[in-house]
């Protein structure tokens, strides 16, 4: 039972880190983009990309691994229950998050170039920003429901 409690604690902490870092970085990037300040955007996009790599990515990997281990320890099965719905929503969020990461990296690169050359951001940056925003809603909404399912275990 000692191993179970350690893994459960790490699972909860990684869920918190994944959601909190994702929401926090999205907040700063979203509102910094609204400022249209190229210098600020260059700094924020660079740090958002790093935070996703350092914090979000390891948590995204750890979550299903630790969740699977915890399920096995409790003898739970995947079916049309809260576990199955959680996995479905996690997959949908991941399907949105992967392109978001790709977009963030391209946006970071464009912002760095625009700042170094003292130019405006290209139109492609704003096209990517729209997709980044649109994809963020189902990703965060799905993870918010996953978080609730993890706590409530309603069915």
Protein backbone atom coordinates (compact mmCIF):
# COMPACT_ATOMS: atom_id res chain seq x y z
CA UNK A 1 0.00 0.00 0.00
CA UNK A 2 2.97 2.30 0.57
CA UNK A 3 3.88 2.23 -3.18
CA UNK A 4 0.25 2.89 -4.08
CA UNK A 5 0.11 6.06 -1.96
CA UNK A 6 3.38 7.34 -3.39
CA UNK A 7 2.23 6.80 -6.99
CA UNK A 8 -1.21 8.26 -6.23
CA UNK A 9 0.38 11.37 -4.72
CA UNK A 10 2.67 11.75 -7.74
CA UNK A 11 -0.30 11.19 -10.07
CA UNK A 12 -2.26 13.98 -8.37
CA UNK A 13 0.75 16.30 -8.34
CA UNK A 14 1.50 15.67 -12.01
CA UNK A 15 -2.16 16.30 -12.92
CA UNK A 16 -1.98 19.58 -11.03
CA UNK A 17 1.31 20.49 -12.69
CA UNK A 18 0.02 19.59 -16.16
CA UNK A 19 -3.20 21.56 -15.82
CA UNK A 20 -1.73 24.46 -13.86
CA UNK A 21 1.29 24.98 -16.08
CA UNK A 22 -0.82 24.62 -19.22
CA UNK A 23 -3.43 27.08 -18.02
CA UNK A 24 -0.86 29.54 -16.69
CA UNK A 25 1.28 29.59 -19.82
CA UNK A 26 -1.79 29.80 -22.05
CA UNK A 27 -3.06 32.76 -20.00
CA UNK A 28 0.20 34.69 -20.37
CA UNK A 29 0.63 33.88 -24.04
CA UNK A 30 -3.00 34.72 -24.88
CA UNK A 31 -2.90 38.13 -23.20
CA UNK A 32 0.62 38.97 -24.32
CA UNK A 33 -0.49 38.30 -27.89
CA UNK A 34 -3.34 40.77 -27.38
CA UNK A 35 -0.77 43.46 -26.55
CA UNK A 36 0.87 43.00 -29.97
CA UNK A 37 4.13 44.01 -28.28
CA UNK A 38 6.73 42.07 -30.29
CA UNK A 39 9.39 42.25 -27.56
CA UNK A 40 6.99 40.90 -24.93
CA UNK A 41 5.68 38.22 -27.30
CA UNK A 42 9.25 37.11 -28.08
CA UNK A 43 9.99 36.66 -24.37
CA UNK A 44 6.71 34.99 -23.43
CA UNK A 45 6.61 32.55 -26.36
CA UNK A 46 10.17 31.47 -25.56
CA UNK A 47 9.26 30.75 -21.92
CA UNK A 48 5.94 29.09 -22.80
CA UNK A 49 7.78 26.67 -25.09
CA UNK A 50 10.28 25.91 -22.33
CA UNK A 51 7.58 25.42 -19.68
CA UNK A 52 5.75 22.98 -21.96
CA UNK A 53 8.95 21.03 -22.48
CA UNK A 54 10.11 21.08 -18.85
CA UNK A 55 6.83 20.65 -16.99
CA UNK A 56 3.83 19.82 -19.16
CA UNK A 57 5.42 17.14 -21.34
CA UNK A 58 6.73 14.98 -18.46
CA UNK A 59 3.33 15.26 -16.73
CA UNK A 60 1.50 14.34 -19.95
CA UNK A 61 3.64 11.19 -20.18
CA UNK A 62 3.44 10.34 -16.47
CA UNK A 63 -0.35 10.71 -16.18
CA UNK A 64 -1.45 7.69 -18.24
CA UNK A 65 1.40 5.54 -16.94
CA UNK A 66 0.68 6.25 -13.30
CA UNK A 67 -3.08 6.09 -13.89
CA UNK A 68 -2.76 2.68 -15.52
CA UNK A 69 -0.59 1.42 -12.64
CA UNK A 70 -3.08 2.72 -10.06
CA UNK A 71 -5.99 1.08 -11.90
CA UNK A 72 -4.20 -2.25 -11.97
CA UNK A 73 -3.47 -2.03 -8.25
CA UNK A 74 -7.16 -1.49 -7.52
CA UNK A 75 -8.34 -4.13 -9.98
CA UNK A 76 -10.32 -1.62 -12.02
CA UNK A 77 -11.17 -2.25 -15.65
CA UNK A 78 -11.45 0.16 -18.53
CA UNK A 79 -15.00 0.24 -19.82
CA UNK A 80 -17.81 2.66 -20.28
CA UNK A 81 -17.20 4.13 -16.87
CA UNK A 82 -15.41 7.18 -15.57
CA UNK A 83 -12.05 5.60 -16.46
CA UNK A 84 -13.05 5.03 -20.09
CA UNK A 85 -14.43 8.56 -20.39
CA UNK A 86 -11.26 9.94 -18.83
CA UNK A 87 -9.10 8.12 -21.38
CA UNK A 88 -11.27 9.34 -24.25
CA UNK A 89 -11.15 12.96 -23.08
CA UNK A 90 -7.41 12.71 -22.40
CA UNK A 91 -6.87 11.47 -25.96
CA UNK A 92 -8.96 14.33 -27.36
CA UNK A 93 -7.04 16.86 -25.26
CA UNK A 94 -3.77 15.31 -26.44
CA UNK A 95 -4.92 15.45 -30.07
CA UNK A 96 -5.45 19.20 -29.57
CA UNK A 97 -2.30 19.74 -27.50
CA UNK A 98 0.17 18.23 -29.97
CA UNK A 99 -0.63 20.73 -32.75
CA UNK A 100 -0.70 23.51 -30.14
CA UNK A 101 2.89 22.67 -29.19
CA UNK A 102 3.90 22.68 -32.87
CA UNK A 103 2.18 26.04 -33.33
CA UNK A 104 3.84 27.47 -30.20
CA UNK A 105 7.29 26.53 -31.46
CA UNK A 106 6.65 28.16 -34.85
CA UNK A 107 5.17 31.23 -33.16
CA UNK A 108 8.19 31.45 -30.86
CA UNK A 109 10.54 31.32 -33.84
CA UNK A 110 8.60 33.99 -35.75
CA UNK A 111 8.53 36.23 -32.68
CA UNK A 112 12.28 35.85 -32.15
CA UNK A 113 12.99 36.79 -35.77
CA UNK A 114 10.57 39.75 -35.73
CA UNK A 115 12.10 41.05 -32.50
CA UNK A 116 15.69 40.63 -33.74
CA UNK A 117 14.84 42.42 -36.99
CA UNK A 118 12.64 45.08 -35.33
CA UNK A 119 9.70 44.19 -37.56
CA UNK A 120 6.05 43.35 -37.03
CA UNK A 121 4.97 39.76 -36.63
CA UNK A 122 4.05 38.16 -39.95
CA UNK A 123 0.44 37.40 -40.87
CA UNK A 124 1.23 33.70 -40.48
CA UNK A 125 1.90 34.30 -36.76
CA UNK A 126 -1.66 35.58 -36.30
CA UNK A 127 -3.08 32.71 -38.35
CA UNK A 128 -1.23 30.27 -36.07
CA UNK A 129 -2.38 32.23 -33.01
CA UNK A 130 -6.03 31.78 -34.01
CA UNK A 131 -5.58 28.02 -34.35
CA UNK A 132 -3.60 27.92 -31.09
CA UNK A 133 -6.52 29.62 -29.32
CA UNK A 134 -9.22 27.48 -30.95
CA UNK A 135 -7.43 24.22 -30.11
CA UNK A 136 -6.82 25.34 -26.54
CA UNK A 137 -10.51 25.37 -25.62
CA UNK A 138 -11.26 21.65 -26.15
CA UNK A 139 -7.88 20.71 -24.68
CA UNK A 140 -8.48 22.63 -21.44
CA UNK A 141 -12.18 21.84 -21.30
CA UNK A 142 -11.44 18.14 -21.70
CA UNK A 143 -8.76 18.21 -19.02
CA UNK A 144 -11.03 20.08 -16.64
CA UNK A 145 -13.61 17.30 -17.01
CA UNK A 146 -10.85 14.68 -16.62
CA UNK A 147 -9.77 16.36 -13.40
CA UNK A 148 -13.37 16.27 -12.12
CA UNK A 149 -13.79 12.61 -13.15
CA UNK A 150 -10.55 11.71 -11.37
CA UNK A 151 -11.84 13.24 -8.15
CA UNK A 152 -15.56 12.39 -8.31
CA UNK A 153 -15.43 8.93 -9.98
CA UNK A 154 -19.17 9.31 -10.72
CA UNK A 155 -19.89 6.00 -12.48
